Amino acid sequence: MAKVVKFYGDSCSPCKTMAPIFEEVMKELGIEAEHKNLGDPGVRDVAIAAGVRSIPSFVVYTDEGEILSRTGIMSKEALKSFIEDAVA
């Protein structure tokens, strides 16, 4: 089962812009979502291991591990397409 991890920061304006879009897309696709705040203890190490260099970042994982990631603001359609392609 695929899982999408969103890496974000509390003071990140693009992250705030993407939050409702991300929630809507996850609900529509019925895919498990996980939120990782870079301000939380230990999350920075997880982000580095996932190759996150900027936020917001969206990383799609399957049982086999990370398969695709994307960073930045995007439209609902672009985010949905990215995730659908990653889990196909």
Protein backbone atom coordinates (compact mmCIF):
# COMPACT_ATOMS: atom_id res chain seq x y z
CA MET A 1 0.00 0.00 0.00
CA ALA A 2 1.42 3.38 -0.99
CA LYS A 3 2.05 6.13 1.54
CA VAL A 4 2.75 9.79 0.85
CA VAL A 5 4.89 11.73 3.32
CA LYS A 6 4.64 15.51 3.32
CA PHE A 7 7.67 17.31 4.79
CA TYR A 8 6.87 20.87 5.87
CA GLY A 9 7.69 23.66 8.29
CA ASP A 10 5.37 25.76 10.44
CA SER A 11 6.73 29.07 9.15
CA CYS A 12 6.84 27.97 5.49
CA SER A 13 4.33 29.94 3.40
CA PRO A 14 4.41 27.51 0.44
CA CYS A 15 3.75 24.68 2.93
CA LYS A 16 0.68 26.51 4.23
CA THR A 17 -0.52 27.02 0.66
CA MET A 18 -0.15 23.30 -0.13
CA ALA A 19 -1.74 21.98 3.10
CA PRO A 20 -5.41 22.06 2.03
CA ILE A 21 -4.55 20.92 -1.50
CA PHE A 22 -2.61 17.95 -0.11
CA GLU A 23 -5.44 16.98 2.23
CA GLU A 24 -8.02 17.14 -0.56
CA VAL A 25 -5.92 15.03 -2.93
CA MET A 26 -5.17 12.40 -0.27
CA LYS A 27 -8.86 12.14 0.56
CA GLU A 28 -9.80 11.77 -3.11
CA LEU A 29 -7.17 9.11 -3.76
CA GLY A 30 -7.67 7.23 -0.49
CA ILE A 31 -3.93 6.97 0.07
CA GLU A 32 -2.31 6.99 3.50
CA ALA A 33 -0.69 10.34 4.29
CA GLU A 34 1.92 11.20 6.87
CA HIS A 35 2.94 14.70 7.92
CA LYS A 36 6.51 15.41 9.04
CA ASN A 37 7.21 18.83 10.54
CA LEU A 38 10.91 19.68 10.26
CA GLY A 39 10.62 21.46 13.60
CA ASP A 40 9.83 18.20 15.42
CA PRO A 41 12.64 16.22 17.08
CA GLY A 42 14.21 13.64 14.80
CA VAL A 43 12.35 14.67 11.66
CA ARG A 44 15.34 16.46 10.14
CA ASP A 45 17.26 13.17 10.06
CA VAL A 46 14.31 11.43 8.38
CA ALA A 47 14.11 14.25 5.81
CA ILE A 48 17.82 14.04 5.05
CA ALA A 49 17.56 10.26 4.61
CA ALA A 50 14.65 10.84 2.19
CA GLY A 51 16.72 13.33 0.18
CA VAL A 52 14.59 16.34 1.13
CA ARG A 53 16.43 19.58 0.42
CA SER A 54 13.53 22.02 0.35
CA ILE A 55 9.95 22.23 1.59
CA PRO A 56 7.21 21.47 1.03
CA SER A 57 8.35 18.07 -0.22
CA PHE A 58 6.14 15.13 -1.05
CA VAL A 59 7.69 11.65 -1.01
CA VAL A 60 5.78 8.59 -2.21
CA TYR A 61 6.69 5.24 -0.63
CA THR A 62 5.52 1.71 -1.41
CA ASP A 63 6.41 -1.53 0.38
CA GLU A 64 9.62 -1.46 -1.68
CA GLY A 65 10.65 2.00 -0.43
CA GLU A 66 10.78 5.51 -1.87
CA ILE A 67 9.75 5.70 -5.49
CA LEU A 68 9.28 9.37 -6.31
CA SER A 69 9.47 12.83 -4.75
CA ARG A 70 8.46 16.35 -5.70
CA THR A 71 9.09 19.70 -4.04
CA GLY A 72 7.29 23.02 -4.07
CA ILE A 73 3.92 24.53 -4.80
CA MET A 74 1.81 22.84 -7.46
CA SER A 75 -1.80 22.81 -8.51
CA LYS A 76 -4.22 20.21 -7.19
CA GLU A 77 -4.20 18.54 -10.61
CA ALA A 78 -0.39 18.43 -10.74
CA LEU A 79 -0.11 16.95 -7.23
CA LYS A 80 -2.80 14.38 -7.95
CA SER A 81 -1.16 13.41 -11.24
CA PHE A 82 2.27 13.12 -9.59
CA ILE A 83 0.92 10.77 -6.92
CA GLU A 84 -1.17 8.72 -9.33
CA ASP A 85 1.86 8.24 -11.61
CA ALA A 86 4.06 7.29 -8.65
CA VAL A 87 1.74 4.55 -7.41
CA ALA A 88 0.81 3.19 -10.85
